[in-house]
Protein backbone atom coordinates (compact mmCIF):
# COMPACT_ATOMS: atom_id res chain seq x y z
CA MET A 1 -16.99 20.87 -9.53
CA THR A 2 -14.73 19.53 -6.80
CA LYS A 3 -11.98 17.07 -7.52
CA PRO A 4 -12.57 13.61 -5.99
CA ILE A 5 -10.55 12.94 -2.86
CA LYS A 6 -7.88 10.30 -3.52
CA SER A 7 -6.68 7.81 -0.94
CA ILE A 8 -3.44 5.98 -0.41
CA PHE A 9 -3.93 2.35 0.55
CA VAL A 10 -1.33 0.58 2.67
CA LEU A 11 -1.85 -3.18 2.46
CA TRP A 12 -1.55 -5.11 5.72
CA ASP A 13 -1.15 -8.78 6.61
CA ALA A 14 0.71 -10.97 9.10
CA LEU A 15 4.51 -10.63 9.03
CA PHE A 16 4.46 -7.41 7.03
CA ASP A 17 6.85 -4.65 8.15
CA GLU A 18 4.86 -2.63 10.68
CA ALA A 19 7.62 -0.03 11.10
CA LEU A 20 7.54 0.66 7.37
CA ALA A 21 3.72 0.71 7.29
CA VAL A 22 3.55 3.15 10.21
CA ASP A 23 6.28 5.31 8.64
CA PHE A 24 4.26 5.69 5.42
CA ILE A 25 0.96 6.21 7.23
CA THR A 26 2.30 8.74 9.73
CA GLN A 27 4.31 10.88 7.33
CA LEU A 28 1.59 10.98 4.68
CA ARG A 29 -1.21 11.72 7.15
CA ASN A 30 0.97 14.45 8.68
CA VAL A 31 0.95 16.32 5.35
CA GLY A 32 -2.84 15.99 5.14
CA LEU A 33 -3.25 13.00 2.84
CA ARG A 34 -5.94 10.36 3.24
CA VAL A 35 -4.25 7.05 4.07
CA LYS A 36 -6.09 3.80 4.77
CA LEU A 37 -4.60 0.62 6.21
CA VAL A 38 -6.15 -2.23 4.20
CA GLY A 39 -6.26 -5.62 5.88
CA ILE A 40 -6.27 -8.57 3.54
CA TYR A 41 -8.59 -10.39 5.93
CA GLY A 42 -9.93 -7.32 7.72
CA ARG A 43 -8.72 -8.24 11.19
CA PRO A 44 -5.72 -7.12 13.24
CA GLN A 45 -2.47 -8.82 12.25
CA VAL A 46 0.95 -9.04 13.91
CA GLY A 47 3.90 -7.67 11.94
CA ILE A 48 7.49 -8.95 11.79
CA ARG A 49 8.47 -7.06 14.96
CA GLY A 50 5.52 -8.30 17.02
CA MET A 51 3.36 -5.17 16.79
CA THR A 52 -0.34 -5.56 15.93
CA LEU A 53 -1.99 -3.15 13.49
CA THR A 54 -5.73 -2.89 12.99
CA PRO A 55 -6.91 -2.13 9.44
CA ASP A 56 -9.24 0.71 8.49
CA LEU A 57 -10.67 -1.28 5.56
CA THR A 58 -10.92 -4.87 4.41
CA LEU A 59 -9.53 -5.80 1.01
CA SER A 60 -13.13 -6.25 -0.22
CA GLN A 61 -13.95 -2.69 0.87
CA ALA A 62 -10.79 -1.42 -0.84
CA ILE A 63 -11.81 -3.18 -4.07
CA SER A 64 -15.19 -1.44 -3.94
CA GLN A 65 -13.39 1.91 -3.45
CA ILE A 66 -10.66 1.34 -6.04
CA GLU A 67 -11.58 4.48 -7.97
CA LYS A 68 -10.56 6.52 -4.88
CA CYS A 69 -7.08 4.97 -4.71
CA CYS A 70 -3.99 6.56 -6.23
CA TYR A 71 -1.27 4.48 -4.50
CA MET A 72 -1.16 0.95 -3.07
CA ILE A 73 1.80 0.52 -0.73
CA ILE A 74 2.80 -3.04 0.19
CA PRO A 75 5.23 -2.88 3.15
CA CYS A 76 6.74 -6.34 3.16
CA GLY A 77 9.76 -8.39 2.22
CA SER A 78 10.05 -11.38 -0.06
CA PRO A 79 8.52 -14.27 1.98
CA PRO A 80 5.15 -12.55 2.69
CA LEU A 81 5.09 -11.17 -0.85
CA LYS A 82 5.30 -14.68 -2.32
CA LYS A 83 2.45 -15.80 -0.04
CA LEU A 84 0.26 -13.01 -1.45
CA GLU A 85 0.53 -14.51 -4.94
CA GLN A 86 -2.19 -17.00 -3.91
CA ASN A 87 -4.69 -14.39 -2.66
CA GLN A 88 -7.67 -14.18 -5.02
CA GLY A 89 -8.78 -10.85 -3.54
CA LEU A 90 -5.47 -9.31 -4.60
CA HIS A 91 -5.84 -10.79 -8.07
CA THR A 92 -9.23 -9.04 -8.28
CA PHE A 93 -7.72 -5.78 -7.04
CA TYR A 94 -4.93 -5.93 -9.63
CA ARG A 95 -7.32 -6.72 -12.48
CA LYS A 96 -9.44 -3.69 -11.57
CA ALA A 97 -6.35 -1.55 -10.97
CA ALA A 98 -5.28 -2.16 -14.57
CA TYR A 99 -8.01 0.31 -15.60
CA THR A 100 -6.86 3.02 -13.20
CA ASP A 101 -3.79 5.17 -12.55
CA ILE A 102 -2.90 3.40 -9.29
CA GLN A 103 0.83 3.34 -8.57
CA PHE A 104 2.16 0.34 -6.63
CA VAL A 105 5.02 0.56 -4.13
CA ILE A 106 6.55 -2.63 -2.67
CA GLY A 107 9.37 -3.03 -0.21
CA LEU A 108 11.74 -3.38 1.31
CA LEU A 109 13.05 -6.05 -1.03
CA LEU A 110 16.48 -7.30 -1.96
CA GLU A 111 17.59 -6.92 -5.58
CA GLY A 112 15.90 -9.59 -7.69
CA ASP A 113 13.23 -10.52 -5.10
CA ILE A 114 10.41 -9.20 -7.25
CA GLN A 115 11.15 -11.80 -9.96
CA GLY A 116 10.05 -14.47 -7.47
CA ALA A 117 6.59 -12.89 -7.32
CA PRO A 118 5.25 -12.74 -10.91
CA LEU A 119 1.89 -11.21 -9.94
CA PHE A 120 3.75 -8.16 -8.68
CA ALA A 121 6.62 -8.16 -11.17
CA ASN A 122 4.15 -7.60 -14.01
CA LEU A 123 2.43 -4.55 -12.54
CA PRO A 124 2.85 -1.67 -15.00
CA LYS A 125 3.17 1.15 -12.44
CA LEU A 126 5.49 -0.39 -9.85
CA GLN A 127 8.24 1.03 -7.68
CA VAL A 128 10.32 -1.45 -5.71
CA LEU A 129 12.00 -0.11 -2.59
CA HIS A 130 15.42 -1.46 -1.62
CA SER A 131 16.53 0.96 1.11
CA LYS A 132 15.31 3.44 3.72
CA GLU A 133 16.47 6.19 1.35
CA ASP A 134 14.08 4.81 -1.30
CA VAL A 135 11.28 4.91 1.28
CA GLN A 136 11.84 8.57 2.11
CA ARG A 137 12.15 9.48 -1.59
CA VAL A 138 8.79 7.84 -2.34
CA ILE A 139 7.12 9.45 0.69
CA ASP A 140 8.37 12.85 -0.52
CA GLU A 141 7.21 12.08 -4.07
CA ILE A 142 3.72 11.05 -2.93
CA SER A 143 3.49 14.08 -0.65
CA SER A 144 4.27 16.43 -3.51
CA THR A 145 2.12 14.77 -6.19
CA VAL A 146 -1.07 13.87 -4.29
CA GLY A 147 -2.98 16.99 -3.31
CA SER A 148 -4.09 17.40 0.27
CA TYR A 149 -7.78 16.81 0.67
CA GLY A 150 -7.99 19.30 3.53
CA GLY A 151 -10.13 17.19 5.83
CA GLU A 152 -9.71 14.86 8.73
CA GLN A 153 -6.62 12.75 8.36
CA ASN A 154 -8.30 9.42 9.02
CA GLY A 155 -11.34 10.32 6.88
């Protein structure tokens, strides 16, 4: 029996860090991992540097595929993170994620920023990134722990 193919979800919304999102997506796809950009509202959004990214999935689609997810990466700083606290779709995702092994990665944040976002601060499997070195460490960790699915990289 074949092992189910796991995906890495990268959450996307307006004013998120597109450079960080693209860094995660590119490096992880380059090692053969399935990475999906998940748009909260399912439409293209402009990041903090003015670049527009178009999601592969809507948040609703990601919720329906939650069993395929092993990591949820949230590439944003403190102001957009606080705004996400109000999103009911994310609350649904987190409730369902509680019954899975999904690891959450949030950043780049300043020390203490996560306390201002209780929805995220209470996630059991959470890594908060504070520096570019943290980003590369987590990319390397994901690359070595999530097996390549051996198929198309956008699949």
